[in-house]
Amino acid sequence: MAWLNLEEAERALAAAKAHALSISFKGSVSVVDPRGDLICMCRLDGAPWRTPAVSRGKAVAAASFGRPSGELEDNSQRAIFRGFMAMEGGHMIPGQGALPVYRNGELVGAIGGSGGTSQEDEDCARAGIQALGLSERP
């Protein structure tokens, strides 16, 4: 299984952070591997205490299902989702704000944001993906 390496994750994080700062976003951004393990994360000045965990939880959801975390909201109360959330100790959040990252059709990680509107969170993630020249879709 391929995944984002640390250099790529840090480059994506830098681009997401730059976008966040350009819109006065006060939150956090997390980059995870395809399994949902944290590669790197930043919490911007003034971000609420909860944003690191929420940004990672959204990224875990996107990585686990290979879909934008916002697409998972409608099914979040189904047994399979509740089971996955329990297995992850509550560290999976199926709410808009994270995107999977694909390289040549293969899932290599996910990026999630928290602290702005759901769309702003997702836009920060998208900025990170675009900086790598990768895709949020297979």
C-alpha atoms as a PDB file:
ATOM      1  CA  MET A   1       0.000   0.000   0.000  1.00  0.00           C
ATOM      2  CA  ALA A   2       1.324   3.425  -0.942  1.00  0.00           C
ATOM      3  CA  TRP A   3       0.927   6.506   1.221  1.00  0.00           C
ATOM      4  CA  LEU A   4       2.017  10.097   1.451  1.00  0.00           C
ATOM      5  CA  ASN A   5       5.561  10.405   2.736  1.00  0.00           C
ATOM      6  CA  LEU A   6       6.496  12.977   5.358  1.00  0.00           C
ATOM      7  CA  GLU A   7       7.847  15.481   2.822  1.00  0.00           C
ATOM      8  CA  GLU A   8       4.617  15.338   0.815  1.00  0.00           C
ATOM      9  CA  ALA A   9       2.490  15.574   3.936  1.00  0.00           C
ATOM     10  CA  GLU A  10       4.427  18.602   5.149  1.00  0.00           C
ATOM     11  CA  ARG A  11       4.134  20.254   1.720  1.00  0.00           C
ATOM     12  CA  ALA A  12       0.377  19.648   1.683  1.00  0.00           C
ATOM     13  CA  LEU A  13       0.115  20.962   5.230  1.00  0.00           C
ATOM     14  CA  ALA A  14       2.062  24.113   4.293  1.00  0.00           C
ATOM     15  CA  ALA A  15      -0.312  24.792   1.381  1.00  0.00           C
ATOM     16  CA  ALA A  16      -3.385  24.151   3.530  1.00  0.00           C
ATOM     17  CA  LYS A  17      -1.950  26.445   6.206  1.00  0.00           C
ATOM     18  CA  ALA A  18      -1.239  29.191   3.645  1.00  0.00           C
ATOM     19  CA  HIS A  19      -4.823  28.971   2.403  1.00  0.00           C
ATOM     20  CA  ALA A  20      -6.109  29.023   5.974  1.00  0.00           C
ATOM     21  CA  LEU A  21      -4.135  32.150   6.786  1.00  0.00           C
ATOM     22  CA  SER A  22      -5.367  33.853   3.597  1.00  0.00           C
ATOM     23  CA  ILE A  23      -8.970  33.498   4.781  1.00  0.00           C
ATOM     24  CA  SER A  24      -8.262  34.267   8.470  1.00  0.00           C
ATOM     25  CA  PHE A  25      -9.068  30.675   9.390  1.00  0.00           C
ATOM     26  CA  LYS A  26      -8.396  29.906  13.043  1.00  0.00           C
ATOM     27  CA  GLY A  27      -8.268  26.151  13.144  1.00  0.00           C
ATOM     28  CA  SER A  28      -6.226  23.029  12.594  1.00  0.00           C
ATOM     29  CA  VAL A  29      -5.303  20.851   9.645  1.00  0.00           C
ATOM     30  CA  SER A  30      -4.320  17.173   9.837  1.00  0.00           C
ATOM     31  CA  VAL A  31      -2.728  14.891   7.245  1.00  0.00           C
ATOM     32  CA  VAL A  32      -3.172  11.147   7.708  1.00  0.00           C
ATOM     33  CA  ASP A  33      -2.106   8.011   5.864  1.00  0.00           C
ATOM     34  CA  PRO A  34      -4.650   5.677   4.208  1.00  0.00           C
ATOM     35  CA  ARG A  35      -5.232   3.875   7.517  1.00  0.00           C
ATOM     36  CA  GLY A  36      -5.938   7.159   9.311  1.00  0.00           C
ATOM     37  CA  ASP A  37      -2.695   7.361  11.266  1.00  0.00           C
ATOM     38  CA  LEU A  38      -1.489  10.929  11.736  1.00  0.00           C
ATOM     39  CA  ILE A  39       1.483  12.018   9.614  1.00  0.00           C
ATOM     40  CA  CYS A  40       1.483  15.709  10.552  1.00  0.00           C
ATOM     41  CA  MET A  41      -0.823  18.405  11.896  1.00  0.00           C
ATOM     42  CA  CYS A  42      -0.815  22.109  12.678  1.00  0.00           C
ATOM     43  CA  ARG A  43      -2.943  24.189  15.009  1.00  0.00           C
ATOM     44  CA  LEU A  44      -2.979  27.830  13.987  1.00  0.00           C
ATOM     45  CA  ASP A  45      -2.781  30.640  16.508  1.00  0.00           C
ATOM     46  CA  GLY A  46      -6.156  31.337  18.067  1.00  0.00           C
ATOM     47  CA  ALA A  47      -7.620  27.962  17.114  1.00  0.00           C
ATOM     48  CA  PRO A  48     -10.026  26.400  19.607  1.00  0.00           C
ATOM     49  CA  TRP A  49      -8.631  23.507  21.674  1.00  0.00           C
ATOM     50  CA  ARG A  50     -10.840  20.926  19.964  1.00  0.00           C
ATOM     51  CA  THR A  51      -9.766  21.599  16.386  1.00  0.00           C
ATOM     52  CA  PRO A  52      -6.726  19.255  16.252  1.00  0.00           C
ATOM     53  CA  ALA A  53      -8.833  16.229  17.231  1.00  0.00           C
ATOM     54  CA  VAL A  54     -11.717  17.210  14.948  1.00  0.00           C
ATOM     55  CA  SER A  55      -9.476  17.825  11.920  1.00  0.00           C
ATOM     56  CA  ARG A  56      -7.888  14.414  12.414  1.00  0.00           C
ATOM     57  CA  GLY A  57     -11.283  12.741  12.971  1.00  0.00           C
ATOM     58  CA  LYS A  58     -12.591  14.102   9.686  1.00  0.00           C
ATOM     59  CA  ALA A  59      -9.399  13.002   7.902  1.00  0.00           C
ATOM     60  CA  VAL A  60      -9.734   9.508   9.410  1.00  0.00           C
ATOM     61  CA  ALA A  61     -13.285   9.279   8.024  1.00  0.00           C
ATOM     62  CA  ALA A  62     -12.162  10.369   4.539  1.00  0.00           C
ATOM     63  CA  ALA A  63      -9.255   7.905   4.579  1.00  0.00           C
ATOM     64  CA  SER A  64     -11.348   5.033   5.918  1.00  0.00           C
ATOM     65  CA  PHE A  65     -13.922   5.283   3.175  1.00  0.00           C
ATOM     66  CA  GLY A  66     -11.894   6.925   0.401  1.00  0.00           C
ATOM     67  CA  ARG A  67     -14.536   9.633   0.047  1.00  0.00           C
ATOM     68  CA  PRO A  68     -14.947  13.238   1.156  1.00  0.00           C
ATOM     69  CA  SER A  69     -16.020  13.184   4.793  1.00  0.00           C
ATOM     70  CA  GLY A  70     -19.063  15.327   3.981  1.00  0.00           C
ATOM     71  CA  GLU A  71     -20.442  12.555   1.749  1.00  0.00           C
ATOM     72  CA  LEU A  72     -20.556  10.288   4.796  1.00  0.00           C
ATOM     73  CA  GLU A  73     -22.854  12.456   6.921  1.00  0.00           C
ATOM     74  CA  ASP A  74     -26.155  11.016   5.686  1.00  0.00           C
ATOM     75  CA  ASN A  75     -25.113   7.461   6.584  1.00  0.00           C
ATOM     76  CA  SER A  76     -23.374   8.290   9.857  1.00  0.00           C
ATOM     77  CA  GLN A  77     -26.048   6.669  12.010  1.00  0.00           C
ATOM     78  CA  ARG A  78     -25.997   3.363  10.165  1.00  0.00           C
ATOM     79  CA  ALA A  79     -24.666   0.411  12.105  1.00  0.00           C
ATOM     80  CA  ILE A  80     -21.498   0.093  10.025  1.00  0.00           C
ATOM     81  CA  PHE A  81     -20.548   3.726  10.627  1.00  0.00           C
ATOM     82  CA  ARG A  82     -21.310   3.540  14.333  1.00  0.00           C
ATOM     83  CA  GLY A  83     -19.184   0.393  14.489  1.00  0.00           C
ATOM     84  CA  PHE A  84     -16.252   2.045  12.739  1.00  0.00           C
ATOM     85  CA  MET A  85     -16.525   5.101  14.972  1.00  0.00           C
ATOM     86  CA  ALA A  86     -16.509   2.847  18.044  1.00  0.00           C
ATOM     87  CA  MET A  87     -13.524   0.869  16.714  1.00  0.00           C
ATOM     88  CA  GLU A  88     -11.659   4.148  16.261  1.00  0.00           C
ATOM     89  CA  GLY A  89     -12.466   5.181  19.829  1.00  0.00           C
ATOM     90  CA  GLY A  90     -14.593   8.066  18.602  1.00  0.00           C
ATOM     91  CA  HIS A  91     -11.732   9.403  16.460  1.00  0.00           C
ATOM     92  CA  MET A  92     -13.716   9.242  13.211  1.00  0.00           C
ATOM     93  CA  ILE A  93     -15.967  12.150  12.316  1.00  0.00           C
ATOM     94  CA  PRO A  94     -18.189  11.772   9.226  1.00  0.00           C
ATOM     95  CA  GLY A  95     -18.766  15.497   8.706  1.00  0.00           C
ATOM     96  CA  GLN A  96     -17.703  17.857   5.922  1.00  0.00           C
ATOM     97  CA  GLY A  97     -14.161  19.132   6.115  1.00  0.00           C
ATOM     98  CA  ALA A  98     -11.807  16.399   4.886  1.00  0.00           C
ATOM     99  CA  LEU A  99     -10.855  14.934   1.526  1.00  0.00           C
ATOM    100  CA  PRO A 100      -9.122  11.710   0.548  1.00  0.00           C
ATOM    101  CA  VAL A 101      -5.882  11.987  -1.420  1.00  0.00           C
ATOM    102  CA  TYR A 102      -5.337   9.785  -4.479  1.00  0.00           C
ATOM    103  CA  ARG A 103      -2.225   9.171  -6.563  1.00  0.00           C
ATOM    104  CA  ASN A 104      -2.790   7.348  -9.856  1.00  0.00           C
ATOM    105  CA  GLY A 105      -6.150   6.073  -8.602  1.00  0.00           C
ATOM    106  CA  GLU A 106      -4.742   4.724  -5.320  1.00  0.00           C
ATOM    107  CA  LEU A 107      -5.698   6.143  -1.933  1.00  0.00           C
ATOM    108  CA  VAL A 108      -2.537   7.514  -0.291  1.00  0.00           C
ATOM    109  CA  GLY A 109      -3.980   9.540   2.604  1.00  0.00           C
ATOM    110  CA  ALA A 110      -6.429  12.247   3.580  1.00  0.00           C
ATOM    111  CA  ILE A 111      -6.398  15.856   4.747  1.00  0.00           C
ATOM    112  CA  GLY A 112      -8.900  17.330   7.170  1.00  0.00           C
ATOM    113  CA  GLY A 113      -9.590  20.766   8.568  1.00  0.00           C
ATOM    114  CA  SER A 114     -11.497  22.100  11.552  1.00  0.00           C
ATOM    115  CA  GLY A 115     -12.147  25.580  12.867  1.00  0.00           C
ATOM    116  CA  GLY A 116     -13.907  27.364  10.051  1.00  0.00           C
ATOM    117  CA  THR A 117     -17.143  26.622   8.290  1.00  0.00           C
ATOM    118  CA  SER A 118     -17.373  23.094   6.938  1.00  0.00           C
ATOM    119  CA  GLN A 119     -16.681  24.452   3.451  1.00  0.00           C
ATOM    120  CA  GLU A 120     -13.638  26.416   4.656  1.00  0.00           C
ATOM    121  CA  ASP A 121     -12.322  23.271   6.363  1.00  0.00           C
ATOM    122  CA  GLU A 122     -12.712  21.348   3.097  1.00  0.00           C
ATOM    123  CA  ASP A 123     -11.168  24.159   1.048  1.00  0.00           C
ATOM    124  CA  CYS A 124      -8.040  24.056   3.237  1.00  0.00           C
ATOM    125  CA  ALA A 125      -7.791  20.313   2.587  1.00  0.00           C
ATOM    126  CA  ARG A 126      -8.248  20.870  -1.144  1.00  0.00           C
ATOM    127  CA  ALA A 127      -5.438  23.456  -1.186  1.00  0.00           C
ATOM    128  CA  GLY A 128      -3.112  20.839   0.279  1.00  0.00           C
ATOM    129  CA  ILE A 129      -4.067  18.250  -2.327  1.00  0.00           C
ATOM    130  CA  GLN A 130      -3.676  20.713  -5.172  1.00  0.00           C
ATOM    131  CA  ALA A 131      -0.188  21.685  -3.973  1.00  0.00           C
ATOM    132  CA  LEU A 132       0.858  18.062  -4.471  1.00  0.00           C
ATOM    133  CA  GLY A 133      -0.719  17.827  -7.918  1.00  0.00           C
ATOM    134  CA  LEU A 134      -2.798  14.899  -6.678  1.00  0.00           C
ATOM    135  CA  SER A 135      -6.532  14.216  -6.717  1.00  0.00           C
ATOM    136  CA  GLU A 136      -9.394  13.938  -4.243  1.00  0.00           C
ATOM    137  CA  ARG A 137     -11.080  11.336  -6.467  1.00  0.00           C
ATOM    138  CA  PRO A 138      -9.795   7.964  -7.760  1.00  0.00           C
END
